[in-house]
N, C-alpha and C. Protein backbone atom coordinates (compact mmCIF):
# COMPACT_ATOMS: atom_id res chain seq x y z
N MET A 1 6.88 -9.98 -12.34
CA MET A 1 7.22 -8.67 -11.83
C MET A 1 7.79 -8.81 -10.43
N SER A 2 8.85 -8.14 -10.21
CA SER A 2 9.49 -8.18 -8.91
C SER A 2 9.08 -6.95 -8.10
N ASN A 3 8.86 -7.16 -6.84
CA ASN A 3 8.50 -6.06 -5.96
C ASN A 3 9.77 -5.32 -5.55
N ASP A 4 9.91 -4.06 -5.98
CA ASP A 4 11.10 -3.28 -5.69
C ASP A 4 11.02 -2.52 -4.37
N ILE A 5 9.91 -2.63 -3.68
CA ILE A 5 9.76 -1.93 -2.41
C ILE A 5 9.51 -2.97 -1.32
N SER A 6 10.12 -2.75 -0.19
CA SER A 6 9.86 -3.62 0.94
C SER A 6 8.78 -2.98 1.80
N PHE A 7 7.59 -3.55 1.74
CA PHE A 7 6.50 -3.05 2.56
C PHE A 7 6.77 -3.33 4.03
N ASN A 8 7.50 -4.41 4.31
CA ASN A 8 7.86 -4.70 5.70
C ASN A 8 8.80 -3.62 6.23
N ASP A 9 9.72 -3.13 5.39
CA ASP A 9 10.61 -2.04 5.79
C ASP A 9 9.80 -0.78 6.09
N LEU A 10 8.84 -0.48 5.22
CA LEU A 10 7.98 0.69 5.44
C LEU A 10 7.17 0.51 6.72
N LYS A 11 6.65 -0.68 6.92
CA LYS A 11 5.88 -0.99 8.14
C LYS A 11 6.76 -0.76 9.37
N ASN A 12 8.00 -1.24 9.33
CA ASN A 12 8.90 -1.08 10.47
C ASN A 12 9.27 0.38 10.71
N THR A 13 9.41 1.15 9.64
CA THR A 13 9.67 2.58 9.78
C THR A 13 8.47 3.27 10.42
N PHE A 14 7.28 2.93 9.97
CA PHE A 14 6.07 3.48 10.59
C PHE A 14 6.03 3.11 12.08
N LEU A 15 6.37 1.87 12.38
CA LEU A 15 6.36 1.41 13.77
C LEU A 15 7.33 2.23 14.61
N SER A 16 8.52 2.47 14.10
CA SER A 16 9.49 3.26 14.86
C SER A 16 9.03 4.71 14.97
N LEU A 17 8.37 5.24 13.94
CA LEU A 17 7.85 6.61 14.02
C LEU A 17 6.81 6.72 15.13
N SER A 18 6.01 5.69 15.29
CA SER A 18 4.96 5.74 16.31
C SER A 18 5.54 5.90 17.71
N GLU A 19 6.80 5.51 17.86
CA GLU A 19 7.45 5.58 19.17
C GLU A 19 8.15 6.90 19.41
N VAL A 20 8.49 7.65 18.35
CA VAL A 20 9.33 8.83 18.54
C VAL A 20 8.70 10.16 18.15
N ILE A 21 7.65 10.16 17.35
CA ILE A 21 7.15 11.45 16.86
C ILE A 21 5.79 11.84 17.40
N ALA A 22 5.09 10.92 17.98
CA ALA A 22 3.71 11.21 18.39
C ALA A 22 3.67 12.11 19.61
N LYS A 23 2.64 12.98 19.67
CA LYS A 23 2.40 13.82 20.84
C LYS A 23 2.17 12.95 22.06
N SER A 24 1.44 11.86 21.86
CA SER A 24 1.23 10.86 22.89
C SER A 24 1.35 9.51 22.20
N PRO A 25 1.63 8.46 22.95
CA PRO A 25 1.82 7.15 22.30
C PRO A 25 0.63 6.78 21.40
N ILE A 26 0.94 6.34 20.21
CA ILE A 26 -0.09 5.91 19.27
C ILE A 26 -0.39 4.44 19.53
N ASP A 27 -1.64 4.14 19.76
CA ASP A 27 -2.07 2.76 19.96
C ASP A 27 -2.09 2.07 18.60
N LEU A 28 -1.29 1.03 18.44
CA LEU A 28 -1.24 0.33 17.15
C LEU A 28 -2.59 -0.21 16.75
N GLY A 29 -3.46 -0.43 17.71
CA GLY A 29 -4.81 -0.87 17.40
C GLY A 29 -5.63 0.19 16.70
N ASP A 30 -5.20 1.45 16.82
CA ASP A 30 -5.89 2.55 16.15
C ASP A 30 -5.41 2.73 14.71
N LEU A 31 -4.32 2.06 14.36
CA LEU A 31 -3.78 2.16 13.00
C LEU A 31 -4.38 1.05 12.14
N LEU A 32 -4.30 1.20 10.83
CA LEU A 32 -4.94 0.23 9.94
C LEU A 32 -4.02 -0.87 9.45
N ILE A 33 -2.72 -0.61 9.40
CA ILE A 33 -1.79 -1.66 8.99
C ILE A 33 -1.73 -2.70 10.10
N ASP A 34 -1.76 -3.96 9.72
CA ASP A 34 -1.56 -5.02 10.71
C ASP A 34 -0.05 -5.18 10.88
N TYR A 35 0.47 -4.65 11.96
CA TYR A 35 1.91 -4.62 12.16
C TYR A 35 2.49 -5.99 12.52
N THR A 36 1.66 -7.02 12.58
CA THR A 36 2.15 -8.38 12.80
C THR A 36 2.25 -9.16 11.50
N ASP A 37 1.66 -8.63 10.42
CA ASP A 37 1.65 -9.33 9.12
C ASP A 37 2.98 -9.19 8.39
N ASP A 38 3.27 -10.17 7.54
CA ASP A 38 4.36 -10.07 6.58
C ASP A 38 3.75 -9.36 5.36
N LEU A 39 3.94 -8.06 5.29
CA LEU A 39 3.28 -7.27 4.25
C LEU A 39 3.83 -7.54 2.86
N ASP A 40 5.10 -7.91 2.77
CA ASP A 40 5.65 -8.25 1.45
C ASP A 40 4.96 -9.48 0.89
N ALA A 41 4.79 -10.49 1.73
CA ALA A 41 4.11 -11.72 1.29
C ALA A 41 2.65 -11.44 0.97
N LEU A 42 2.00 -10.62 1.78
CA LEU A 42 0.61 -10.27 1.54
C LEU A 42 0.44 -9.55 0.20
N TYR A 43 1.31 -8.60 -0.07
CA TYR A 43 1.26 -7.88 -1.35
C TYR A 43 1.50 -8.84 -2.51
N GLU A 44 2.51 -9.68 -2.40
CA GLU A 44 2.84 -10.61 -3.48
C GLU A 44 1.66 -11.55 -3.76
N ARG A 45 1.02 -12.05 -2.71
CA ARG A 45 -0.15 -12.92 -2.88
C ARG A 45 -1.28 -12.19 -3.59
N ASN A 46 -1.58 -10.98 -3.12
CA ASN A 46 -2.67 -10.20 -3.71
C ASN A 46 -2.36 -9.82 -5.16
N PHE A 47 -1.12 -9.43 -5.41
CA PHE A 47 -0.75 -9.06 -6.77
C PHE A 47 -0.80 -10.27 -7.69
N GLN A 48 -0.36 -11.43 -7.20
CA GLN A 48 -0.39 -12.65 -8.02
C GLN A 48 -1.83 -13.03 -8.35
N CYS A 49 -2.73 -12.90 -7.40
CA CYS A 49 -4.15 -13.19 -7.66
C CYS A 49 -4.70 -12.24 -8.73
N PHE A 50 -4.34 -10.97 -8.64
CA PHE A 50 -4.76 -9.99 -9.64
C PHE A 50 -4.22 -10.36 -11.02
N LYS A 51 -2.94 -10.73 -11.05
CA LYS A 51 -2.30 -11.13 -12.32
C LYS A 51 -2.97 -12.38 -12.89
N ASP A 52 -3.27 -13.35 -12.04
CA ASP A 52 -3.94 -14.56 -12.50
C ASP A 52 -5.33 -14.26 -13.06
N ALA A 53 -6.03 -13.34 -12.43
CA ALA A 53 -7.35 -12.95 -12.93
C ALA A 53 -7.23 -12.25 -14.29
N LYS A 54 -6.19 -11.43 -14.45
CA LYS A 54 -5.94 -10.78 -15.73
C LYS A 54 -5.65 -11.82 -16.80
N ASP A 55 -4.87 -12.85 -16.47
CA ASP A 55 -4.57 -13.93 -17.41
C ASP A 55 -5.84 -14.70 -17.77
N LEU A 56 -6.69 -14.96 -16.77
CA LEU A 56 -7.96 -15.63 -17.02
C LEU A 56 -8.81 -14.80 -17.98
N LEU A 57 -8.85 -13.50 -17.78
CA LEU A 57 -9.62 -12.63 -18.66
C LEU A 57 -9.12 -12.74 -20.10
N ASN A 58 -7.81 -12.69 -20.29
CA ASN A 58 -7.26 -12.80 -21.64
C ASN A 58 -7.60 -14.14 -22.29
N LYS A 59 -7.50 -15.23 -21.53
CA LYS A 59 -7.81 -16.55 -22.07
C LYS A 59 -9.30 -16.69 -22.38
N ALA A 60 -10.13 -16.20 -21.47
CA ALA A 60 -11.58 -16.29 -21.70
C ALA A 60 -11.99 -15.47 -22.91
N LYS A 61 -11.40 -14.30 -23.06
CA LYS A 61 -11.72 -13.45 -24.21
C LYS A 61 -11.28 -14.14 -25.50
N ALA A 62 -10.09 -14.73 -25.49
CA ALA A 62 -9.58 -15.42 -26.68
C ALA A 62 -10.47 -16.60 -27.06
N ASN A 63 -11.11 -17.23 -26.07
CA ASN A 63 -12.01 -18.36 -26.32
C ASN A 63 -13.46 -17.92 -26.50
N ASP A 64 -13.70 -16.63 -26.50
CA ASP A 64 -15.04 -16.07 -26.61
C ASP A 64 -16.00 -16.71 -25.60
N ASP A 65 -15.48 -16.90 -24.37
CA ASP A 65 -16.25 -17.50 -23.29
C ASP A 65 -16.76 -16.37 -22.40
N LYS A 66 -17.99 -15.99 -22.63
CA LYS A 66 -18.54 -14.83 -21.94
C LYS A 66 -18.75 -15.07 -20.44
N VAL A 67 -19.06 -16.30 -20.05
CA VAL A 67 -19.23 -16.58 -18.62
C VAL A 67 -17.88 -16.48 -17.91
N ALA A 68 -16.85 -17.09 -18.48
CA ALA A 68 -15.52 -17.00 -17.87
C ALA A 68 -15.00 -15.56 -17.91
N THR A 69 -15.33 -14.81 -18.96
CA THR A 69 -14.93 -13.41 -19.05
C THR A 69 -15.57 -12.61 -17.92
N GLN A 70 -16.86 -12.86 -17.71
CA GLN A 70 -17.56 -12.16 -16.63
C GLN A 70 -16.96 -12.53 -15.27
N ALA A 71 -16.69 -13.80 -15.07
CA ALA A 71 -16.08 -14.24 -13.81
C ALA A 71 -14.71 -13.58 -13.62
N ALA A 72 -13.92 -13.52 -14.68
CA ALA A 72 -12.60 -12.89 -14.61
C ALA A 72 -12.72 -11.42 -14.22
N LEU A 73 -13.70 -10.73 -14.78
CA LEU A 73 -13.90 -9.32 -14.44
C LEU A 73 -14.26 -9.16 -12.96
N VAL A 74 -15.06 -10.08 -12.44
CA VAL A 74 -15.41 -10.03 -11.02
C VAL A 74 -14.15 -10.24 -10.18
N TYR A 75 -13.33 -11.24 -10.56
CA TYR A 75 -12.09 -11.48 -9.82
C TYR A 75 -11.16 -10.27 -9.89
N ILE A 76 -11.04 -9.67 -11.07
CA ILE A 76 -10.19 -8.48 -11.21
C ILE A 76 -10.68 -7.38 -10.28
N ARG A 77 -11.98 -7.19 -10.23
CA ARG A 77 -12.55 -6.17 -9.36
C ARG A 77 -12.22 -6.46 -7.90
N VAL A 78 -12.40 -7.70 -7.48
CA VAL A 78 -12.15 -8.08 -6.09
C VAL A 78 -10.67 -7.88 -5.73
N TYR A 79 -9.78 -8.38 -6.59
CA TYR A 79 -8.35 -8.28 -6.28
C TYR A 79 -7.85 -6.85 -6.39
N ALA A 80 -8.41 -6.06 -7.31
CA ALA A 80 -8.03 -4.64 -7.41
C ALA A 80 -8.47 -3.90 -6.14
N MET A 81 -9.65 -4.23 -5.64
CA MET A 81 -10.12 -3.61 -4.40
C MET A 81 -9.21 -4.00 -3.23
N GLY A 82 -8.74 -5.24 -3.21
CA GLY A 82 -7.82 -5.68 -2.15
C GLY A 82 -6.50 -4.93 -2.22
N LEU A 83 -5.97 -4.75 -3.43
CA LEU A 83 -4.73 -3.98 -3.58
C LEU A 83 -4.94 -2.52 -3.20
N SER A 84 -6.07 -1.98 -3.60
CA SER A 84 -6.39 -0.60 -3.24
C SER A 84 -6.45 -0.44 -1.73
N SER A 85 -7.09 -1.38 -1.05
CA SER A 85 -7.19 -1.34 0.41
C SER A 85 -5.81 -1.48 1.06
N PHE A 86 -4.96 -2.32 0.46
CA PHE A 86 -3.60 -2.51 0.97
C PHE A 86 -2.87 -1.17 1.01
N PHE A 87 -2.95 -0.42 -0.08
CA PHE A 87 -2.27 0.87 -0.14
C PHE A 87 -2.99 1.93 0.69
N GLU A 88 -4.29 1.82 0.79
CA GLU A 88 -5.08 2.77 1.58
C GLU A 88 -4.67 2.72 3.05
N THR A 89 -4.30 1.54 3.55
CA THR A 89 -3.87 1.45 4.96
C THR A 89 -2.61 2.26 5.20
N PHE A 90 -1.69 2.25 4.24
CA PHE A 90 -0.48 3.06 4.38
C PHE A 90 -0.83 4.55 4.38
N LYS A 91 -1.73 4.95 3.49
CA LYS A 91 -2.15 6.36 3.43
C LYS A 91 -2.80 6.77 4.73
N ASP A 92 -3.69 5.94 5.23
CA ASP A 92 -4.41 6.28 6.45
C ASP A 92 -3.48 6.33 7.67
N ASP A 93 -2.54 5.40 7.75
CA ASP A 93 -1.61 5.44 8.87
C ASP A 93 -0.67 6.64 8.75
N ALA A 94 -0.25 7.00 7.54
CA ALA A 94 0.57 8.20 7.35
C ALA A 94 -0.22 9.43 7.81
N ASP A 95 -1.51 9.47 7.48
CA ASP A 95 -2.38 10.57 7.94
C ASP A 95 -2.40 10.62 9.47
N SER A 96 -2.48 9.46 10.11
CA SER A 96 -2.49 9.42 11.58
C SER A 96 -1.21 10.00 12.15
N PHE A 97 -0.07 9.63 11.56
CA PHE A 97 1.20 10.16 12.05
C PHE A 97 1.28 11.67 11.84
N LEU A 98 0.77 12.13 10.72
CA LEU A 98 0.79 13.57 10.44
C LEU A 98 -0.10 14.34 11.40
N LYS A 99 -1.25 13.76 11.76
CA LYS A 99 -2.20 14.44 12.64
C LYS A 99 -1.83 14.34 14.11
N GLU A 100 -1.25 13.22 14.50
CA GLU A 100 -1.01 12.95 15.93
C GLU A 100 0.39 13.32 16.39
N SER A 101 1.10 14.14 15.61
CA SER A 101 2.46 14.52 15.96
C SER A 101 2.62 16.03 15.82
N ILE A 102 3.63 16.55 16.48
CA ILE A 102 3.94 17.97 16.36
C ILE A 102 5.04 18.12 15.32
N TRP A 103 4.76 18.90 14.30
CA TRP A 103 5.69 19.06 13.19
C TRP A 103 6.05 20.53 13.02
N PRO A 104 7.25 20.81 12.55
CA PRO A 104 7.58 22.20 12.19
C PRO A 104 6.81 22.57 10.93
N ASP A 105 6.62 23.84 10.72
CA ASP A 105 5.98 24.30 9.49
C ASP A 105 6.91 24.04 8.31
N ILE A 106 6.33 23.62 7.19
CA ILE A 106 7.10 23.44 5.97
C ILE A 106 7.02 24.75 5.19
N PRO A 107 8.17 25.38 4.93
CA PRO A 107 8.14 26.64 4.18
C PRO A 107 7.50 26.44 2.80
N GLY A 108 6.83 27.47 2.32
CA GLY A 108 6.15 27.39 1.02
C GLY A 108 7.09 27.08 -0.13
N ASP A 109 8.34 27.48 -0.03
CA ASP A 109 9.30 27.25 -1.12
C ASP A 109 10.23 26.07 -0.82
N TYR A 110 9.83 25.19 0.10
CA TYR A 110 10.68 24.08 0.52
C TYR A 110 10.99 23.15 -0.64
N GLN A 111 12.25 22.76 -0.73
CA GLN A 111 12.72 21.73 -1.66
C GLN A 111 13.45 20.67 -0.85
N VAL A 112 13.19 19.41 -1.14
CA VAL A 112 13.92 18.34 -0.46
C VAL A 112 15.39 18.50 -0.82
N PRO A 113 16.29 18.51 0.16
CA PRO A 113 17.72 18.67 -0.14
C PRO A 113 18.21 17.60 -1.12
N GLU A 114 19.10 18.02 -2.00
CA GLU A 114 19.60 17.14 -3.05
C GLU A 114 20.25 15.87 -2.52
N HIS A 115 20.87 15.94 -1.34
CA HIS A 115 21.56 14.75 -0.82
C HIS A 115 20.61 13.60 -0.51
N TYR A 116 19.28 13.85 -0.50
CA TYR A 116 18.32 12.76 -0.34
C TYR A 116 18.04 12.05 -1.66
N ASN A 117 18.48 12.66 -2.76
CA ASN A 117 18.30 12.07 -4.10
C ASN A 117 16.84 11.69 -4.37
N PHE A 118 15.93 12.58 -3.97
CA PHE A 118 14.49 12.40 -4.22
C PHE A 118 14.12 13.23 -5.43
N GLN A 119 13.80 12.55 -6.52
CA GLN A 119 13.63 13.22 -7.81
C GLN A 119 12.21 13.75 -8.06
N HIS A 120 11.27 13.42 -7.21
CA HIS A 120 9.88 13.77 -7.46
C HIS A 120 9.52 15.07 -6.75
N LYS A 121 8.65 15.81 -7.38
CA LYS A 121 8.21 17.08 -6.77
C LYS A 121 6.72 17.08 -6.62
């Protein structure tokens, strides 16, 4: 599976937002993303570990190896929690930007303009 999103690009956009939208400068130490990390590499490593654990589970199940199956389930749990935490940092930092900045009100009937080509509602 290829990663179609650049987490480093998102990280850099967040970093630039911290400089231009905040009511007062946001201390990067108060944010959860490690802005010095290569987030694309971190995601790929974590996702590969999760995939490897899934493969172990399939092999252990095929061999009716209950100990290896149990171990695989533990690994899946650990790596899933790591991926969940990875995405949680983006959510939490987005929350920080939303709370620590002055924003115009979004009208109740607001639609993203078509020229942004954003298909989700």
